[in-house]
Amino acid sequence: MQDSKGMVDVSGKDITVRTARAEGTIVLGEVAFEVAQKGASIKGDVLATAKIAAIGAVKSTPGIIPMCHPILIEGIDVDFKLDPETESVTIAVTVKSSGKTGVEMEALTGASAGCLTIYDMLKYTGKGMTITEVKLIEKAGGKSGDYKRQD
């Protein structure tokens, strides 16, 4: 299949170990940040729920992004960094797979869903939160090689 107008044919690619790490940041504001930090949302534990959402989103990526291949996910790590100075939470999602196509979209989808879940869990405190900086941090494996964001 040449010049595909749909899903790319990966049948000729080698199976390699592939990893990707993506981050997303949500700026909360004072009240929402305090609630997130204490884990005291009326909906439950904000970060625990966002972690579950990120993992689910990684696994559901082909159902969300039309041209993504269904792949075997072998590992998902989700970490949070709370920054009191900017009243923000950064979620980092790392995905690992052995396959014929990369996992960048899975990591980005996980980070995005985690931020959206934090918004949902805290929107009762105010609607002024802003999701920013959803980005690929690094990836390894595959034909295109490794990538590490420089900023």
N, C-alpha and C. Protein backbone atom coordinates (compact mmCIF):
# COMPACT_ATOMS: atom_id res chain seq x y z
N MET A 1 0.85 -1.18 0.00
CA MET A 1 0.00 0.00 0.00
C MET A 1 0.89 1.23 0.00
N GLN A 2 0.86 1.96 -1.08
CA GLN A 2 1.66 3.16 -1.20
C GLN A 2 0.76 4.39 -1.18
N ASP A 3 1.28 5.49 -0.64
CA ASP A 3 0.54 6.75 -0.59
C ASP A 3 -0.86 6.55 0.01
N SER A 4 -0.88 5.90 1.15
CA SER A 4 -2.13 5.57 1.82
C SER A 4 -2.91 6.83 2.20
N LYS A 5 -4.21 6.80 2.02
CA LYS A 5 -5.08 7.89 2.45
C LYS A 5 -5.82 7.50 3.73
N GLY A 6 -5.32 6.45 4.36
CA GLY A 6 -5.94 5.98 5.59
C GLY A 6 -4.87 5.54 6.56
N MET A 7 -5.11 4.45 7.24
CA MET A 7 -4.15 3.93 8.20
C MET A 7 -2.90 3.44 7.47
N VAL A 8 -1.74 3.83 7.97
CA VAL A 8 -0.46 3.47 7.35
C VAL A 8 -0.22 1.97 7.50
N ASP A 9 0.28 1.35 6.44
CA ASP A 9 0.63 -0.08 6.45
C ASP A 9 1.96 -0.26 7.17
N VAL A 10 1.93 -0.92 8.32
CA VAL A 10 3.15 -1.15 9.10
C VAL A 10 3.62 -2.60 9.01
N SER A 11 3.04 -3.37 8.13
CA SER A 11 3.35 -4.81 8.07
C SER A 11 4.81 -5.08 7.76
N GLY A 12 5.50 -4.19 7.06
CA GLY A 12 6.90 -4.41 6.72
C GLY A 12 7.88 -3.91 7.77
N LYS A 13 7.38 -3.29 8.82
CA LYS A 13 8.25 -2.75 9.85
C LYS A 13 8.68 -3.83 10.84
N ASP A 14 9.85 -3.62 11.44
CA ASP A 14 10.35 -4.54 12.46
C ASP A 14 9.69 -4.26 13.80
N ILE A 15 9.56 -5.31 14.59
CA ILE A 15 9.08 -5.16 15.97
C ILE A 15 10.25 -4.67 16.81
N THR A 16 10.06 -3.55 17.47
CA THR A 16 11.07 -3.01 18.39
C THR A 16 10.38 -2.52 19.65
N VAL A 17 11.16 -2.38 20.71
CA VAL A 17 10.64 -1.80 21.95
C VAL A 17 10.54 -0.30 21.73
N ARG A 18 9.39 0.25 22.03
CA ARG A 18 9.12 1.67 21.82
C ARG A 18 8.58 2.27 23.12
N THR A 19 9.07 3.44 23.43
CA THR A 19 8.58 4.17 24.60
C THR A 19 8.31 5.61 24.21
N ALA A 20 7.41 6.23 24.92
CA ALA A 20 7.15 7.66 24.74
C ALA A 20 6.70 8.24 26.07
N ARG A 21 7.12 9.47 26.30
CA ARG A 21 6.72 10.20 27.51
C ARG A 21 6.14 11.54 27.05
N ALA A 22 4.95 11.83 27.54
CA ALA A 22 4.28 13.09 27.23
C ALA A 22 3.84 13.73 28.54
N GLU A 23 3.69 15.04 28.50
CA GLU A 23 3.23 15.79 29.66
C GLU A 23 2.11 16.73 29.27
N GLY A 24 1.27 17.02 30.24
CA GLY A 24 0.26 18.05 30.12
C GLY A 24 0.20 18.81 31.42
N THR A 25 -0.07 20.10 31.35
CA THR A 25 -0.15 20.93 32.55
C THR A 25 -1.50 21.60 32.59
N ILE A 26 -2.06 21.66 33.79
CA ILE A 26 -3.30 22.40 34.00
C ILE A 26 -3.07 23.42 35.12
N VAL A 27 -3.32 24.67 34.78
CA VAL A 27 -3.21 25.77 35.75
C VAL A 27 -4.57 25.87 36.43
N LEU A 28 -4.56 25.71 37.75
CA LEU A 28 -5.82 25.55 38.49
C LEU A 28 -6.35 26.83 39.11
N GLY A 29 -5.50 27.63 39.67
CA GLY A 29 -5.94 28.74 40.51
C GLY A 29 -5.87 28.31 41.97
N GLU A 30 -5.95 29.27 42.85
CA GLU A 30 -5.69 29.05 44.27
C GLU A 30 -6.63 28.01 44.90
N VAL A 31 -7.92 28.17 44.74
CA VAL A 31 -8.88 27.27 45.41
C VAL A 31 -8.77 25.85 44.88
N ALA A 32 -8.77 25.70 43.57
CA ALA A 32 -8.69 24.36 42.98
C ALA A 32 -7.36 23.69 43.32
N PHE A 33 -6.28 24.46 43.33
CA PHE A 33 -4.97 23.88 43.67
C PHE A 33 -4.98 23.35 45.09
N GLU A 34 -5.54 24.13 45.99
CA GLU A 34 -5.62 23.71 47.39
C GLU A 34 -6.43 22.42 47.54
N VAL A 35 -7.55 22.34 46.83
CA VAL A 35 -8.38 21.13 46.88
C VAL A 35 -7.62 19.93 46.32
N ALA A 36 -6.94 20.12 45.18
CA ALA A 36 -6.18 19.03 44.57
C ALA A 36 -5.05 18.57 45.48
N GLN A 37 -4.38 19.52 46.08
CA GLN A 37 -3.25 19.22 46.96
C GLN A 37 -3.70 18.41 48.17
N LYS A 38 -4.86 18.75 48.70
CA LYS A 38 -5.39 18.04 49.88
C LYS A 38 -6.12 16.75 49.51
N GLY A 39 -6.43 16.57 48.22
CA GLY A 39 -7.20 15.40 47.80
C GLY A 39 -8.63 15.46 48.31
N ALA A 40 -9.17 16.68 48.46
CA ALA A 40 -10.44 16.88 49.14
C ALA A 40 -11.59 17.26 48.21
N SER A 41 -11.55 16.89 46.95
CA SER A 41 -12.63 17.22 46.03
C SER A 41 -13.92 16.52 46.43
N ILE A 42 -15.05 17.17 46.17
CA ILE A 42 -16.33 16.53 46.47
C ILE A 42 -16.56 15.29 45.60
N LYS A 43 -15.79 15.16 44.51
CA LYS A 43 -15.91 14.00 43.63
C LYS A 43 -14.96 12.88 44.00
N GLY A 44 -14.04 13.12 44.94
CA GLY A 44 -13.09 12.09 45.33
C GLY A 44 -11.65 12.55 45.14
N ASP A 45 -10.74 11.60 45.13
CA ASP A 45 -9.31 11.88 45.01
C ASP A 45 -8.99 12.29 43.58
N VAL A 46 -8.63 13.54 43.40
CA VAL A 46 -8.42 14.11 42.06
C VAL A 46 -7.30 13.39 41.31
N LEU A 47 -6.15 13.25 41.93
CA LEU A 47 -5.00 12.68 41.23
C LEU A 47 -5.17 11.18 40.99
N ALA A 48 -5.75 10.48 41.93
CA ALA A 48 -5.99 9.04 41.71
C ALA A 48 -6.96 8.83 40.54
N THR A 49 -7.98 9.66 40.47
CA THR A 49 -8.95 9.55 39.37
C THR A 49 -8.31 9.93 38.04
N ALA A 50 -7.49 10.99 38.05
CA ALA A 50 -6.79 11.40 36.82
C ALA A 50 -5.82 10.31 36.34
N LYS A 51 -5.20 9.62 37.26
CA LYS A 51 -4.29 8.52 36.90
C LYS A 51 -5.06 7.40 36.20
N ILE A 52 -6.19 7.02 36.76
CA ILE A 52 -7.02 5.99 36.14
C ILE A 52 -7.50 6.43 34.76
N ALA A 53 -7.89 7.70 34.65
CA ALA A 53 -8.35 8.23 33.36
C ALA A 53 -7.23 8.20 32.33
N ALA A 54 -6.03 8.58 32.73
CA ALA A 54 -4.88 8.58 31.82
C ALA A 54 -4.59 7.17 31.32
N ILE A 55 -4.61 6.21 32.21
CA ILE A 55 -4.36 4.81 31.83
C ILE A 55 -5.44 4.33 30.86
N GLY A 56 -6.69 4.61 31.17
CA GLY A 56 -7.79 4.22 30.29
C GLY A 56 -7.68 4.87 28.92
N ALA A 57 -7.28 6.14 28.89
CA ALA A 57 -7.15 6.85 27.62
C ALA A 57 -6.03 6.27 26.77
N VAL A 58 -4.91 5.92 27.41
CA VAL A 58 -3.81 5.29 26.67
C VAL A 58 -4.32 4.04 25.98
N LYS A 59 -5.03 3.22 26.71
CA LYS A 59 -5.54 1.95 26.17
C LYS A 59 -6.62 2.16 25.11
N SER A 60 -7.28 3.30 25.14
CA SER A 60 -8.38 3.59 24.21
C SER A 60 -7.98 4.45 23.03
N THR A 61 -6.73 4.78 22.89
CA THR A 61 -6.29 5.73 21.86
C THR A 61 -6.78 5.38 20.46
N PRO A 62 -6.71 4.12 20.00
CA PRO A 62 -7.19 3.84 18.63
C PRO A 62 -8.68 4.12 18.43
N GLY A 63 -9.44 4.11 19.49
CA GLY A 63 -10.86 4.44 19.41
C GLY A 63 -11.13 5.93 19.38
N ILE A 64 -10.13 6.72 19.77
CA ILE A 64 -10.26 8.17 19.84
C ILE A 64 -9.61 8.84 18.62
N ILE A 65 -8.43 8.37 18.25
CA ILE A 65 -7.66 8.95 17.14
C ILE A 65 -7.80 7.99 15.95
N PRO A 66 -8.51 8.38 14.91
CA PRO A 66 -8.93 7.46 13.84
C PRO A 66 -7.83 6.66 13.15
N MET A 67 -6.66 7.22 12.93
CA MET A 67 -5.63 6.51 12.16
C MET A 67 -4.59 5.81 13.02
N CYS A 68 -4.82 5.73 14.34
CA CYS A 68 -3.90 5.02 15.23
C CYS A 68 -4.16 3.52 15.18
N HIS A 69 -3.08 2.75 15.15
CA HIS A 69 -3.19 1.30 15.16
C HIS A 69 -3.47 0.80 16.57
N PRO A 70 -4.30 -0.23 16.72
CA PRO A 70 -4.42 -0.88 18.03
C PRO A 70 -3.10 -1.59 18.31
N ILE A 71 -2.51 -1.34 19.46
CA ILE A 71 -1.23 -1.95 19.79
C ILE A 71 -1.28 -2.54 21.18
N LEU A 72 -0.35 -3.44 21.43
CA LEU A 72 -0.22 -4.05 22.75
C LEU A 72 0.54 -3.08 23.65
N ILE A 73 -0.09 -2.63 24.69
CA ILE A 73 0.54 -1.74 25.66
C ILE A 73 1.15 -2.62 26.75
N GLU A 74 2.44 -2.48 26.96
CA GLU A 74 3.13 -3.33 27.93
C GLU A 74 3.39 -2.63 29.26
N GLY A 75 3.32 -1.31 29.26
CA GLY A 75 3.53 -0.58 30.50
C GLY A 75 3.06 0.85 30.40
N ILE A 76 2.51 1.35 31.50
CA ILE A 76 2.09 2.75 31.58
C ILE A 76 2.48 3.27 32.96
N ASP A 77 3.21 4.37 32.99
CA ASP A 77 3.52 5.05 34.24
C ASP A 77 2.90 6.44 34.19
N VAL A 78 2.29 6.83 35.30
CA VAL A 78 1.67 8.15 35.40
C VAL A 78 2.21 8.83 36.65
N ASP A 79 2.77 10.02 36.48
CA ASP A 79 3.31 10.78 37.60
C ASP A 79 2.75 12.20 37.57
N PHE A 80 2.68 12.80 38.76
CA PHE A 80 2.18 14.17 38.89
C PHE A 80 3.20 15.04 39.59
N LYS A 81 3.27 16.30 39.16
CA LYS A 81 4.07 17.30 39.84
C LYS A 81 3.17 18.49 40.15
N LEU A 82 3.01 18.78 41.40
CA LEU A 82 2.21 19.93 41.83
C LEU A 82 3.16 21.10 42.06
N ASP A 83 2.85 22.24 41.48
CA ASP A 83 3.69 23.42 41.59
C ASP A 83 2.90 24.53 42.29
N PRO A 84 3.16 24.74 43.58
CA PRO A 84 2.43 25.77 44.33
C PRO A 84 2.65 27.18 43.79
N GLU A 85 3.81 27.44 43.22
CA GLU A 85 4.12 28.77 42.71
C GLU A 85 3.20 29.16 41.55
N THR A 86 2.94 28.22 40.64
CA THR A 86 2.08 28.50 39.49
C THR A 86 0.67 27.95 39.68
N GLU A 87 0.43 27.32 40.84
CA GLU A 87 -0.88 26.70 41.15
C GLU A 87 -1.30 25.77 40.01
N SER A 88 -0.36 24.91 39.62
CA SER A 88 -0.60 24.01 38.49
C SER A 88 -0.23 22.57 38.84
N VAL A 89 -0.77 21.68 38.03
CA VAL A 89 -0.42 20.26 38.12
C VAL A 89 0.06 19.84 36.74
N THR A 90 1.21 19.17 36.70
CA THR A 90 1.71 18.59 35.47
C THR A 90 1.61 17.08 35.60
N ILE A 91 1.00 16.46 34.60
CA ILE A 91 0.88 15.01 34.55
C ILE A 91 1.85 14.52 33.48
N ALA A 92 2.64 13.51 33.83
CA ALA A 92 3.56 12.89 32.89
C ALA A 92 3.13 11.44 32.68
N VAL A 93 2.97 11.06 31.42
CA VAL A 93 2.53 9.71 31.08
C VAL A 93 3.61 9.06 30.21
N THR A 94 4.11 7.92 30.66
CA THR A 94 5.10 7.16 29.91
C THR A 94 4.48 5.84 29.48
N VAL A 95 4.61 5.52 28.20
CA VAL A 95 3.99 4.32 27.63
C VAL A 95 5.09 3.47 26.99
N LYS A 96 4.97 2.15 27.17
CA LYS A 96 5.95 1.21 26.60
C LYS A 96 5.21 0.11 25.84
N SER A 97 5.78 -0.25 24.68
CA SER A 97 5.19 -1.30 23.85
C SER A 97 6.29 -1.93 23.01
N SER A 98 6.12 -3.18 22.66
CA SER A 98 6.97 -3.83 21.66
C SER A 98 6.08 -4.03 20.44
N GLY A 99 6.43 -3.35 19.36
CA GLY A 99 5.55 -3.45 18.20
C GLY A 99 6.15 -2.80 16.98
N LYS A 100 5.28 -2.55 15.99
CA LYS A 100 5.69 -2.02 14.70
C LYS A 100 5.38 -0.54 14.53
N THR A 101 4.79 0.06 15.54
CA THR A 101 4.47 1.49 15.47
C THR A 101 4.62 2.10 16.85
N GLY A 102 4.87 3.40 16.88
CA GLY A 102 5.20 4.09 18.12
C GLY A 102 4.03 4.33 19.04
N VAL A 103 4.35 4.86 20.21
CA VAL A 103 3.35 5.07 21.25
C VAL A 103 3.22 6.54 21.66
N GLU A 104 3.68 7.44 20.77
CA GLU A 104 3.58 8.87 21.09
C GLU A 104 2.12 9.31 21.26
N MET A 105 1.26 8.87 20.37
CA MET A 105 -0.15 9.29 20.45
C MET A 105 -0.80 8.76 21.72
N GLU A 106 -0.42 7.57 22.14
CA GLU A 106 -0.98 7.01 23.38
C GLU A 106 -0.56 7.85 24.58
N ALA A 107 0.73 8.24 24.64
CA ALA A 107 1.21 9.06 25.75
C ALA A 107 0.55 10.43 25.75
N LEU A 108 0.43 11.04 24.57
CA LEU A 108 -0.23 12.36 24.47
C LEU A 108 -1.71 12.28 24.85
N THR A 109 -2.38 11.22 24.42
CA THR A 109 -3.80 11.04 24.76
C THR A 109 -3.97 10.85 26.26
N GLY A 110 -3.08 10.08 26.87
CA GLY A 110 -3.14 9.87 28.32
C GLY A 110 -2.95 11.16 29.09
N ALA A 111 -1.96 11.96 28.69
CA ALA A 111 -1.70 13.24 29.37
C ALA A 111 -2.90 14.18 29.22
N SER A 112 -3.47 14.22 28.02
CA SER A 112 -4.63 15.09 27.77
C SER A 112 -5.82 14.66 28.62
N ALA A 113 -6.11 13.38 28.65
CA ALA A 113 -7.25 12.88 29.43
C ALA A 113 -7.04 13.11 30.93
N GLY A 114 -5.81 12.99 31.38
CA GLY A 114 -5.52 13.26 32.79
C GLY A 114 -5.83 14.70 33.14
N CYS A 115 -5.40 15.63 32.28
CA CYS A 115 -5.69 17.05 32.51
C CYS A 115 -7.20 17.33 32.47
N LEU A 116 -7.88 16.74 31.51
CA LEU A 116 -9.33 16.93 31.41
C LEU A 116 -10.05 16.38 32.65
N THR A 117 -9.55 15.29 33.19
CA THR A 117 -10.16 14.71 34.38
C THR A 117 -9.95 15.61 35.58
N ILE A 118 -8.76 16.18 35.71
CA ILE A 118 -8.52 17.13 36.80
C ILE A 118 -9.49 18.30 36.68
N TYR A 119 -9.66 18.82 35.47
CA TYR A 119 -10.63 19.89 35.26
C TYR A 119 -12.02 19.47 35.72
N ASP A 120 -12.44 18.30 35.28
CA ASP A 120 -13.78 17.81 35.64
C ASP A 120 -13.95 17.66 37.15
N MET A 121 -12.93 17.15 37.81
CA MET A 121 -13.00 16.92 39.25
C MET A 121 -13.03 18.23 40.06
N LEU A 122 -12.53 19.31 39.45
CA LEU A 122 -12.40 20.57 40.19
C LEU A 122 -13.22 21.72 39.63
N LYS A 123 -13.98 21.48 38.58
CA LYS A 123 -14.70 22.59 37.93
C LYS A 123 -15.70 23.27 38.86
N TYR A 124 -16.15 22.59 39.89
CA TYR A 124 -17.08 23.22 40.83
C TYR A 124 -16.42 24.35 41.62
N THR A 125 -15.07 24.38 41.64
CA THR A 125 -14.36 25.45 42.35
C THR A 125 -14.21 26.70 41.48
N GLY A 126 -14.47 26.56 40.19
CA GLY A 126 -14.35 27.68 39.26
C GLY A 126 -13.98 27.15 37.88
N LYS A 127 -14.44 27.83 36.87
CA LYS A 127 -14.24 27.36 35.49
C LYS A 127 -13.01 27.97 34.82
N GLY A 128 -12.21 28.73 35.55
CA GLY A 128 -11.09 29.46 34.95
C GLY A 128 -9.81 28.67 34.77
N MET A 129 -9.84 27.37 34.97
CA MET A 129 -8.63 26.57 34.79
C MET A 129 -8.23 26.53 33.32
N THR A 130 -6.92 26.38 33.07
CA THR A 130 -6.41 26.36 31.71
C THR A 130 -5.49 25.17 31.51
N ILE A 131 -5.78 24.37 30.50
CA ILE A 131 -4.90 23.25 30.15
C ILE A 131 -3.90 23.78 29.13
N THR A 132 -2.62 23.59 29.43
CA THR A 132 -1.54 24.09 28.58
C THR A 132 -0.47 23.04 28.40
N GLU A 133 0.41 23.31 27.46
CA GLU A 133 1.64 22.56 27.34
C GLU A 133 1.47 21.04 27.27
N VAL A 134 0.53 20.56 26.49
CA VAL A 134 0.46 19.12 26.22
C VAL A 134 1.50 18.86 25.14
N LYS A 135 2.51 18.05 25.47
CA LYS A 135 3.64 17.91 24.55
C LYS A 135 4.36 16.59 24.74
N LEU A 136 4.99 16.14 23.66
CA LEU A 136 5.85 14.97 23.70
C LEU A 136 7.18 15.39 24.30
N ILE A 137 7.64 14.68 25.31
CA ILE A 137 8.90 14.98 25.97
C ILE A 137 10.03 14.17 25.35
N GLU A 138 9.77 12.88 25.16
CA GLU A 138 10.78 12.03 24.54
C GLU A 138 10.14 10.76 24.01
N LYS A 139 10.85 10.15 23.06
CA LYS A 139 10.43 8.86 22.54
C LYS A 139 11.68 8.08 22.16
N ALA A 140 11.54 6.77 22.20
CA ALA A 140 12.66 5.89 21.84
C ALA A 140 12.13 4.71 21.05
N GLY A 141 12.98 4.24 20.13
CA GLY A 141 12.65 3.06 19.34
C GLY A 141 12.05 3.42 17.99
N GLY A 142 12.03 2.42 17.14
CA GLY A 142 11.42 2.60 15.83
C GLY A 142 12.38 3.13 14.79
N LYS A 143 11.89 3.17 13.57
CA LYS A 143 12.69 3.57 12.41
C LYS A 143 13.20 5.01 12.51
N SER A 144 12.39 5.90 13.05
CA SER A 144 12.78 7.31 13.12
C SER A 144 13.76 7.59 14.26
N GLY A 145 14.00 6.60 15.11
CA GLY A 145 14.98 6.77 16.18
C GLY A 145 14.46 7.51 17.39
N ASP A 146 15.39 7.96 18.18
CA ASP A 146 15.04 8.60 19.45
C ASP A 146 14.81 10.10 19.26
N TYR A 147 14.02 10.66 20.19
CA TYR A 147 13.71 12.08 20.19
C TYR A 147 13.69 12.54 21.64
N LYS A 148 14.27 13.68 21.92
CA LYS A 148 14.18 14.29 23.25
C LYS A 148 13.96 15.77 23.06
N ARG A 149 12.88 16.26 23.65
CA ARG A 149 12.53 17.68 23.56
C ARG A 149 13.63 18.52 24.18
N GLN A 150 13.96 19.62 23.56
CA GLN A 150 15.08 20.45 24.01
C GLN A 150 14.70 21.61 24.93
N ASP A 151 13.41 21.92 25.08
CA ASP A 151 13.06 23.08 25.91
C ASP A 151 12.75 22.70 27.33
